[in-house]
C-alpha cells in the first residue's frame, strides 16, 4: 500500500497522473497564525509559510499564499493551489 501511494504521488507531481481528491484524504487547507497554511491532503503535511517562501521553487520569503501563481501545486503531493482554498 505504501509503495502504491508513493508511486501515485510521484506521478501526480510529475504531471503524469491527474490530481483527484479522495474525500477521505482532503479538506480545506488549515490556516495558522502568520498566514501559514497546511496542505489539505492529510497525509502530506506540507506547511506553506509565507515568511519562508519556497526557495527551491523560486518563491522568496514574504509571498502570501494568495499571491502564488495560479498553476502552483504542493511540492510534496501535487495538489493544485485552487484546492487549498
PDB file of N, CA and C in Angstrom:
ATOM      1  N   UNK A   1       0.826  -1.203   0.000  1.00  0.00           N
ATOM      2  CA  UNK A   1       0.000   0.000   0.000  1.00  0.00           C
ATOM      3  C   UNK A   1       0.862   1.256   0.000  1.00  0.00           C
ATOM      4  N   UNK A   2       1.907   1.253   0.811  1.00  0.00           N
ATOM      5  CA  UNK A   2       2.777   2.426   0.885  1.00  0.00           C
ATOM      6  C   UNK A   2       3.439   2.692  -0.459  1.00  0.00           C
ATOM      7  N   UNK A   3       3.909   1.635  -1.132  1.00  0.00           N
ATOM      8  CA  UNK A   3       4.532   1.811  -2.435  1.00  0.00           C
ATOM      9  C   UNK A   3       3.548   2.408  -3.437  1.00  0.00           C
ATOM     10  N   UNK A   4       2.324   1.914  -3.453  1.00  0.00           N
ATOM     11  CA  UNK A   4       1.312   2.414  -4.393  1.00  0.00           C
ATOM     12  C   UNK A   4       1.020   3.888  -4.151  1.00  0.00           C
ATOM     13  N   UNK A   5       0.916   4.282  -2.901  1.00  0.00           N
ATOM     14  CA  UNK A   5       0.632   5.689  -2.583  1.00  0.00           C
ATOM     15  C   UNK A   5       1.817   6.571  -2.961  1.00  0.00           C
ATOM     16  N   UNK A   6       3.021   6.124  -2.688  1.00  0.00           N
ATOM     17  CA  UNK A   6       4.212   6.887  -3.058  1.00  0.00           C
ATOM     18  C   UNK A   6       4.301   7.032  -4.570  1.00  0.00           C
ATOM     19  N   UNK A   7       4.047   5.952  -5.280  1.00  0.00           N
ATOM     20  CA  UNK A   7       4.070   5.987  -6.749  1.00  0.00           C
ATOM     21  C   UNK A   7       3.033   6.977  -7.266  1.00  0.00           C
ATOM     22  N   UNK A   8       1.823   6.955  -6.703  1.00  0.00           N
ATOM     23  CA  UNK A   8       0.758   7.870  -7.122  1.00  0.00           C
ATOM     24  C   UNK A   8       1.190   9.316  -6.926  1.00  0.00           C
ATOM     25  N   UNK A   9       1.778   9.622  -5.796  1.00  0.00           N
ATOM     26  CA  UNK A   9       2.206  10.988  -5.504  1.00  0.00           C
ATOM     27  C   UNK A   9       3.308  11.450  -6.461  1.00  0.00           C
ATOM     28  N   UNK A  10       4.232  10.554  -6.778  1.00  0.00           N
ATOM     29  CA  UNK A  10       5.307  10.899  -7.711  1.00  0.00           C
ATOM     30  C   UNK A  10       4.729  11.173  -9.099  1.00  0.00           C
ATOM     31  N   UNK A  11       3.824  10.332  -9.552  1.00  0.00           N
ATOM     32  CA  UNK A  11       3.214  10.522 -10.874  1.00  0.00           C
ATOM     33  C   UNK A  11       2.412  11.819 -10.931  1.00  0.00           C
ATOM     34  N   UNK A  12       1.714  12.160  -9.859  1.00  0.00           N
ATOM     35  CA  UNK A  12       0.971  13.422  -9.805  1.00  0.00           C
ATOM     36  C   UNK A  12       1.945  14.590  -9.873  1.00  0.00           C
ATOM     37  N   UNK A  13       3.010  14.541  -9.073  1.00  0.00           N
ATOM     38  CA  UNK A  13       3.981  15.636  -9.042  1.00  0.00           C
ATOM     39  C   UNK A  13       4.652  15.832 -10.397  1.00  0.00           C
ATOM     40  N   UNK A  14       4.839  14.755 -11.153  1.00  0.00           N
ATOM     41  CA  UNK A  14       5.451  14.847 -12.470  1.00  0.00           C
ATOM     42  C   UNK A  14       4.450  15.246 -13.552  1.00  0.00           C
ATOM     43  N   UNK A  15       3.175  15.347 -13.172  1.00  0.00           N
ATOM     44  CA  UNK A  15       2.149  15.715 -14.133  1.00  0.00           C
ATOM     45  C   UNK A  15       1.735  14.566 -15.032  1.00  0.00           C
ATOM     46  N   UNK A  16       2.061  13.348 -14.643  1.00  0.00           N
ATOM     47  CA  UNK A  16       1.728  12.179 -15.450  1.00  0.00           C
ATOM     48  C   UNK A  16       0.424  11.516 -15.023  1.00  0.00           C
ATOM     49  N   UNK A  17      -0.144  11.992 -13.939  1.00  0.00           N
ATOM     50  CA  UNK A  17      -1.394  11.457 -13.432  1.00  0.00           C
ATOM     51  C   UNK A  17      -2.227  12.625 -12.955  1.00  0.00           C
ATOM     52  N   UNK A  18      -3.498  12.688 -13.336  1.00  0.00           N
ATOM     53  CA  UNK A  18      -4.308  13.822 -12.878  1.00  0.00           C
ATOM     54  C   UNK A  18      -4.519  13.758 -11.374  1.00  0.00           C
ATOM     55  N   UNK A  19      -4.569  14.928 -10.776  1.00  0.00           N
ATOM     56  CA  UNK A  19      -4.804  15.010  -9.341  1.00  0.00           C
ATOM     57  C   UNK A  19      -6.284  14.882  -9.081  1.00  0.00           C
ATOM     58  N   UNK A  20      -6.657  14.065  -8.145  1.00  0.00           N
ATOM     59  CA  UNK A  20      -8.054  13.944  -7.745  1.00  0.00           C
ATOM     60  C   UNK A  20      -8.124  13.951  -6.234  1.00  0.00           C
ATOM     61  N   UNK A  21      -9.214  14.471  -5.717  1.00  0.00           N
ATOM     62  CA  UNK A  21      -9.406  14.497  -4.275  1.00  0.00           C
ATOM     63  C   UNK A  21     -10.191  13.266  -3.870  1.00  0.00           C
ATOM     64  N   UNK A  22      -9.633  12.526  -2.958  1.00  0.00           N
ATOM     65  CA  UNK A  22     -10.401  11.452  -2.340  1.00  0.00           C
ATOM     66  C   UNK A  22     -10.978  12.049  -1.072  1.00  0.00           C
ATOM     67  N   UNK A  23     -12.255  11.941  -0.892  1.00  0.00           N
ATOM     68  CA  UNK A  23     -12.919  12.637   0.211  1.00  0.00           C
ATOM     69  C   UNK A  23     -12.292  12.317   1.562  1.00  0.00           C
ATOM     70  N   UNK A  24     -11.724  11.131   1.714  1.00  0.00           N
ATOM     71  CA  UNK A  24     -11.114  10.779   2.991  1.00  0.00           C
ATOM     72  C   UNK A  24      -9.738  11.403   3.173  1.00  0.00           C
ATOM     73  N   UNK A  25      -9.151  11.918   2.089  1.00  0.00           N
ATOM     74  CA  UNK A  25      -7.784  12.422   2.149  1.00  0.00           C
ATOM     75  C   UNK A  25      -7.659  13.938   2.182  1.00  0.00           C
ATOM     76  N   UNK A  26      -8.682  14.656   1.777  1.00  0.00           N
ATOM     77  CA  UNK A  26      -8.526  16.099   1.620  1.00  0.00           C
ATOM     78  C   UNK A  26      -9.667  16.875   2.264  1.00  0.00           C
ATOM     79  N   UNK A  27      -9.330  18.047   2.691  1.00  0.00           N
ATOM     80  CA  UNK A  27     -10.268  19.000   3.266  1.00  0.00           C
ATOM     81  C   UNK A  27      -9.681  20.370   2.976  1.00  0.00           C
ATOM     82  N   UNK A  28     -10.401  21.440   3.242  1.00  0.00           N
ATOM     83  CA  UNK A  28      -9.774  22.758   3.018  1.00  0.00           C
ATOM     84  C   UNK A  28      -8.480  22.884   3.835  1.00  0.00           C
ATOM     85  N   UNK A  29      -7.545  23.629   3.300  1.00  0.00           N
ATOM     86  CA  UNK A  29      -6.276  23.839   4.000  1.00  0.00           C
ATOM     87  C   UNK A  29      -6.539  24.511   5.348  1.00  0.00           C
ATOM     88  N   UNK A  30      -5.822  24.076   6.357  1.00  0.00           N
ATOM     89  CA  UNK A  30      -5.965  24.696   7.681  1.00  0.00           C
ATOM     90  C   UNK A  30      -5.054  25.896   7.751  1.00  0.00           C
ATOM     91  N   UNK A  31      -5.587  27.009   8.245  1.00  0.00           N
ATOM     92  CA  UNK A  31      -4.817  28.250   8.378  1.00  0.00           C
ATOM     93  C   UNK A  31      -4.300  28.397   9.802  1.00  0.00           C
ATOM     94  N   UNK A  32      -3.086  28.951   9.887  1.00  0.00           N
ATOM     95  CA  UNK A  32      -2.454  29.210  11.178  1.00  0.00           C
ATOM     96  C   UNK A  32      -1.993  30.661  11.215  1.00  0.00           C
ATOM     97  N   UNK A  33      -1.586  31.114  12.374  1.00  0.00           N
ATOM     98  CA  UNK A  33      -1.084  32.481  12.519  1.00  0.00           C
ATOM     99  C   UNK A  33       0.052  32.742  11.541  1.00  0.00           C
ATOM    100  N   UNK A  34       0.145  33.966  11.093  1.00  0.00           N
ATOM    101  CA  UNK A  34       1.212  34.366  10.190  1.00  0.00           C
ATOM    102  C   UNK A  34       0.951  34.003   8.742  1.00  0.00           C
ATOM    103  N   UNK A  35      -0.286  33.596   8.413  1.00  0.00           N
ATOM    104  CA  UNK A  35      -0.620  33.251   7.038  1.00  0.00           C
ATOM    105  C   UNK A  35      -0.177  31.862   6.617  1.00  0.00           C
ATOM    106  N   UNK A  36       0.232  31.022   7.571  1.00  0.00           N
ATOM    107  CA  UNK A  36       0.662  29.661   7.244  1.00  0.00           C
ATOM    108  C   UNK A  36      -0.550  28.812   6.884  1.00  0.00           C
ATOM    109  N   UNK A  37      -0.378  27.934   5.906  1.00  0.00           N
ATOM    110  CA  UNK A  37      -1.424  27.006   5.502  1.00  0.00           C
ATOM    111  C   UNK A  37      -0.881  25.589   5.454  1.00  0.00           C
ATOM    112  N   UNK A  38      -1.658  24.644   5.972  1.00  0.00           N
ATOM    113  CA  UNK A  38      -1.299  23.229   5.948  1.00  0.00           C
ATOM    114  C   UNK A  38      -1.996  22.585   4.759  1.00  0.00           C
ATOM    115  N   UNK A  39      -1.261  21.827   3.965  1.00  0.00           N
ATOM    116  CA  UNK A  39      -1.803  21.175   2.774  1.00  0.00           C
ATOM    117  C   UNK A  39      -3.090  20.425   3.115  1.00  0.00           C
ATOM    118  N   UNK A  40      -4.089  20.509   2.228  1.00  0.00           N
ATOM    119  CA  UNK A  40      -5.352  19.822   2.504  1.00  0.00           C
ATOM    120  C   UNK A  40      -5.260  18.305   2.444  1.00  0.00           C
ATOM    121  N   UNK A  41      -4.233  17.740   1.835  1.00  0.00           N
ATOM    122  CA  UNK A  41      -4.062  16.282   1.834  1.00  0.00           C
ATOM    123  C   UNK A  41      -3.543  15.903   3.212  1.00  0.00           C
ATOM    124  N   UNK A  42      -4.359  15.230   3.980  1.00  0.00           N
ATOM    125  CA  UNK A  42      -3.996  14.980   5.375  1.00  0.00           C
ATOM    126  C   UNK A  42      -2.798  14.059   5.538  1.00  0.00           C
ATOM    127  N   UNK A  43      -2.382  13.374   4.481  1.00  0.00           N
ATOM    128  CA  UNK A  43      -1.190  12.535   4.550  1.00  0.00           C
ATOM    129  C   UNK A  43       0.083  13.291   4.162  1.00  0.00           C
ATOM    130  N   UNK A  44      -0.067  14.448   3.540  1.00  0.00           N
ATOM    131  CA  UNK A  44       1.079  15.184   3.006  1.00  0.00           C
ATOM    132  C   UNK A  44       1.872  15.887   4.108  1.00  0.00           C
ATOM    133  N   UNK A  45       1.233  16.805   4.807  1.00  0.00           N
ATOM    134  CA  UNK A  45       1.889  17.507   5.893  1.00  0.00           C
ATOM    135  C   UNK A  45       2.670  18.745   5.502  1.00  0.00           C
ATOM    136  N   UNK A  46       2.655  19.134   4.217  1.00  0.00           N
ATOM    137  CA  UNK A  46       3.399  20.330   3.805  1.00  0.00           C
ATOM    138  C   UNK A  46       2.749  21.579   4.395  1.00  0.00           C
ATOM    139  N   UNK A  47       3.564  22.437   4.977  1.00  0.00           N
ATOM    140  CA  UNK A  47       3.091  23.691   5.557  1.00  0.00           C
ATOM    141  C   UNK A  47       3.677  24.842   4.756  1.00  0.00           C
ATOM    142  N   UNK A  48       2.798  25.630   4.121  1.00  0.00           N
ATOM    143  CA  UNK A  48       3.291  26.817   3.412  1.00  0.00           C
ATOM    144  C   UNK A  48       3.410  27.949   4.416  1.00  0.00           C
ATOM    145  N   UNK A  49       4.611  28.476   4.554  1.00  0.00           N
ATOM    146  CA  UNK A  49       4.882  29.579   5.463  1.00  0.00           C
ATOM    147  C   UNK A  49       5.364  30.759   4.630  1.00  0.00           C
ATOM    148  N   UNK A  50       4.553  31.824   4.515  1.00  0.00           N
ATOM    149  CA  UNK A  50       4.966  32.960   3.696  1.00  0.00           C
ATOM    150  C   UNK A  50       6.234  33.642   4.192  1.00  0.00           C
ATOM    151  N   UNK A  51       6.542  33.499   5.462  1.00  0.00           N
ATOM    152  CA  UNK A  51       7.771  34.101   5.989  1.00  0.00           C
ATOM    153  C   UNK A  51       9.019  33.389   5.457  1.00  0.00           C
ATOM    154  N   UNK A  52       8.852  32.153   5.011  1.00  0.00           N
ATOM    155  CA  UNK A  52       9.965  31.358   4.495  1.00  0.00           C
ATOM    156  C   UNK A  52       9.926  31.283   2.972  1.00  0.00           C
ATOM    157  N   UNK A  53       8.713  31.207   2.394  1.00  0.00           N
ATOM    158  CA  UNK A  53       8.577  31.008   0.956  1.00  0.00           C
ATOM    159  C   UNK A  53       8.947  29.578   0.603  1.00  0.00           C
ATOM    160  N   UNK A  54       9.251  29.344  -0.664  1.00  0.00           N
ATOM    161  CA  UNK A  54       9.720  28.031  -1.111  1.00  0.00           C
ATOM    162  C   UNK A  54      10.906  28.287  -2.044  1.00  0.00           C
ATOM    163  N   UNK A  55      12.083  28.502  -1.464  1.00  0.00           N
ATOM    164  CA  UNK A  55      13.255  28.858  -2.270  1.00  0.00           C
ATOM    165  C   UNK A  55      13.539  27.888  -3.414  1.00  0.00           C
ATOM    166  N   UNK A  56      13.329  26.588  -3.180  1.00  0.00           N
ATOM    167  CA  UNK A  56      13.612  25.606  -4.229  1.00  0.00           C
ATOM    168  C   UNK A  56      12.659  25.726  -5.414  1.00  0.00           C
ATOM    169  N   UNK A  57      11.532  26.434  -5.245  1.00  0.00           N
ATOM    170  CA  UNK A  57      10.610  26.710  -6.353  1.00  0.00           C
ATOM    171  C   UNK A  57      10.727  28.162  -6.828  1.00  0.00           C
ATOM    172  N   UNK A  58      11.690  28.885  -6.282  1.00  0.00           N
ATOM    173  CA  UNK A  58      11.879  30.273  -6.682  1.00  0.00           C
ATOM    174  C   UNK A  58      10.890  31.233  -6.050  1.00  0.00           C
ATOM    175  N   UNK A  59      10.248  30.814  -4.963  1.00  0.00           N
ATOM    176  CA  UNK A  59       9.286  31.677  -4.258  1.00  0.00           C
ATOM    177  C   UNK A  59       9.989  32.256  -3.034  1.00  0.00           C
ATOM    178  N   UNK A  60      10.269  33.563  -3.061  1.00  0.00           N
ATOM    179  CA  UNK A  60      11.027  34.178  -1.965  1.00  0.00           C
ATOM    180  C   UNK A  60      10.166  34.378  -0.713  1.00  0.00           C
ATOM    181  N   UNK A  61      10.804  34.605   0.425  1.00  0.00           N
ATOM    182  CA  UNK A  61      10.059  34.929   1.634  1.00  0.00           C
ATOM    183  C   UNK A  61       9.199  36.176   1.419  1.00  0.00           C
ATOM    184  N   UNK A  62       8.066  36.211   2.106  1.00  0.00           N
ATOM    185  CA  UNK A  62       7.185  37.369   2.038  1.00  0.00           C
ATOM    186  C   UNK A  62       6.053  37.251   1.039  1.00  0.00           C
ATOM    187  N   UNK A  63       5.971  36.144   0.293  1.00  0.00           N
ATOM    188  CA  UNK A  63       4.903  35.972  -0.691  1.00  0.00           C
ATOM    189  C   UNK A  63       3.710  35.287  -0.016  1.00  0.00           C
ATOM    190  N   UNK A  64       2.574  35.984   0.041  1.00  0.00           N
ATOM    191  CA  UNK A  64       1.355  35.417   0.613  1.00  0.00           C
ATOM    192  C   UNK A  64       0.864  34.279  -0.266  1.00  0.00           C
ATOM    193  N   UNK A  65       0.181  33.320   0.337  1.00  0.00           N
ATOM    194  CA  UNK A  65      -0.328  32.181  -0.431  1.00  0.00           C
ATOM    195  C   UNK A  65      -1.196  32.637  -1.593  1.00  0.00           C
ATOM    196  N   UNK A  66      -2.020  33.627  -1.364  1.00  0.00           N
ATOM    197  CA  UNK A  66      -2.920  34.131  -2.398  1.00  0.00           C
ATOM    198  C   UNK A  66      -2.157  34.712  -3.588  1.00  0.00           C
ATOM    199  N   UNK A  67      -0.905  35.106  -3.384  1.00  0.00           N
ATOM    200  CA  UNK A  67      -0.096  35.690  -4.448  1.00  0.00           C
ATOM    201  C   UNK A  67       0.752  34.664  -5.213  1.00  0.00           C
ATOM    202  N   UNK A  68       0.664  33.387  -4.824  1.00  0.00           N
ATOM    203  CA  UNK A  68       1.368  32.349  -5.575  1.00  0.00           C
ATOM    204  C   UNK A  68       0.740  32.237  -6.963  1.00  0.00           C
ATOM    205  N   UNK A  69       1.490  31.792  -7.966  1.00  0.00           N
ATOM    206  CA  UNK A  69       0.916  31.632  -9.305  1.00  0.00           C
ATOM    207  C   UNK A  69      -0.287  30.683  -9.276  1.00  0.00           C
ATOM    208  N   UNK A  70      -1.251  30.921 -10.161  1.00  0.00           N
ATOM    209  CA  UNK A  70      -2.455  30.093 -10.195  1.00  0.00           C
ATOM    210  C   UNK A  70      -2.163  28.627 -10.516  1.00  0.00           C
ATOM    211  N   UNK A  71      -1.051  28.366 -11.208  1.00  0.00           N
ATOM    212  CA  UNK A  71      -0.723  26.991 -11.562  1.00  0.00           C
ATOM    213  C   UNK A  71       0.199  26.313 -10.532  1.00  0.00           C
ATOM    214  N   UNK A  72       0.394  26.954  -9.375  1.00  0.00           N
ATOM    215  CA  UNK A  72       1.233  26.393  -8.326  1.00  0.00           C
ATOM    216  C   UNK A  72       0.601  25.112  -7.791  1.00  0.00           C
ATOM    217  N   UNK A  73       1.443  24.135  -7.463  1.00  0.00           N
ATOM    218  CA  UNK A  73       0.992  22.891  -6.837  1.00  0.00           C
ATOM    219  C   UNK A  73       1.861  22.603  -5.621  1.00  0.00           C
ATOM    220  N   UNK A  74       1.314  21.856  -4.684  1.00  0.00           N
ATOM    221  CA  UNK A  74       2.071  21.466  -3.491  1.00  0.00           C
ATOM    222  C   UNK A  74       3.327  20.716  -3.927  1.00  0.00           C
ATOM    223  N   UNK A  75       4.490  21.099  -3.395  1.00  0.00           N
ATOM    224  CA  UNK A  75       5.735  20.442  -3.808  1.00  0.00           C
ATOM    225  C   UNK A  75       5.862  19.004  -3.315  1.00  0.00           C
ATOM    226  N   UNK A  76       5.023  18.600  -2.386  1.00  0.00           N
ATOM    227  CA  UNK A  76       5.093  17.241  -1.850  1.00  0.00           C
ATOM    228  C   UNK A  76       4.110  16.314  -2.556  1.00  0.00           C
ATOM    229  N   UNK A  77       2.831  16.712  -2.620  1.00  0.00           N
ATOM    230  CA  UNK A  77       1.814  15.786  -3.136  1.00  0.00           C
ATOM    231  C   UNK A  77       1.177  16.218  -4.458  1.00  0.00           C
ATOM    232  N   UNK A  78       1.427  17.449  -4.909  1.00  0.00           N
ATOM    233  CA  UNK A  78       0.920  17.874  -6.203  1.00  0.00           C
ATOM    234  C   UNK A  78      -0.487  18.444  -6.213  1.00  0.00           C
ATOM    235  N   UNK A  79      -1.089  18.665  -5.052  1.00  0.00           N
ATOM    236  CA  UNK A  79      -2.432  19.251  -5.017  1.00  0.00           C
ATOM    237  C   UNK A  79      -2.348  20.697  -5.520  1.00  0.00           C
ATOM    238  N   UNK A  80      -3.205  21.072  -6.479  1.00  0.00           N
ATOM    239  CA  UNK A  80      -3.146  22.439  -7.026  1.00  0.00           C
ATOM    240  C   UNK A  80      -3.616  23.492  -6.030  1.00  0.00           C
ATOM    241  N   UNK A  81      -3.153  24.704  -6.251  1.00  0.00           N
ATOM    242  CA  UNK A  81      -3.469  25.832  -5.376  1.00  0.00           C
ATOM    243  C   UNK A  81      -4.972  25.996  -5.172  1.00  0.00           C
ATOM    244  N   UNK A  82      -5.758  25.837  -6.238  1.00  0.00           N
ATOM    245  CA  UNK A  82      -7.201  26.041  -6.153  1.00  0.00           C
ATOM    246  C   UNK A  82      -7.861  25.119  -5.128  1.00  0.00           C
ATOM    247  N   UNK A  83      -7.312  23.947  -4.902  1.00  0.00           N
ATOM    248  CA  UNK A  83      -7.892  23.001  -3.950  1.00  0.00           C
ATOM    249  C   UNK A  83      -7.576  23.360  -2.500  1.00  0.00           C
ATOM    250  N   UNK A  84      -6.635  24.274  -2.300  1.00  0.00           N
ATOM    251  CA  UNK A  84      -6.263  24.667  -0.944  1.00  0.00           C
ATOM    252  C   UNK A  84      -7.276  25.638  -0.342  1.00  0.00           C
ATOM    253  N   UNK A  85      -7.988  26.364  -1.167  1.00  0.00           N
ATOM    254  CA  UNK A  85      -8.875  27.428  -0.675  1.00  0.00           C
ATOM    255  C   UNK A  85     -10.304  26.983  -0.552  1.00  0.00           C
TER     256      UNK A  85
END
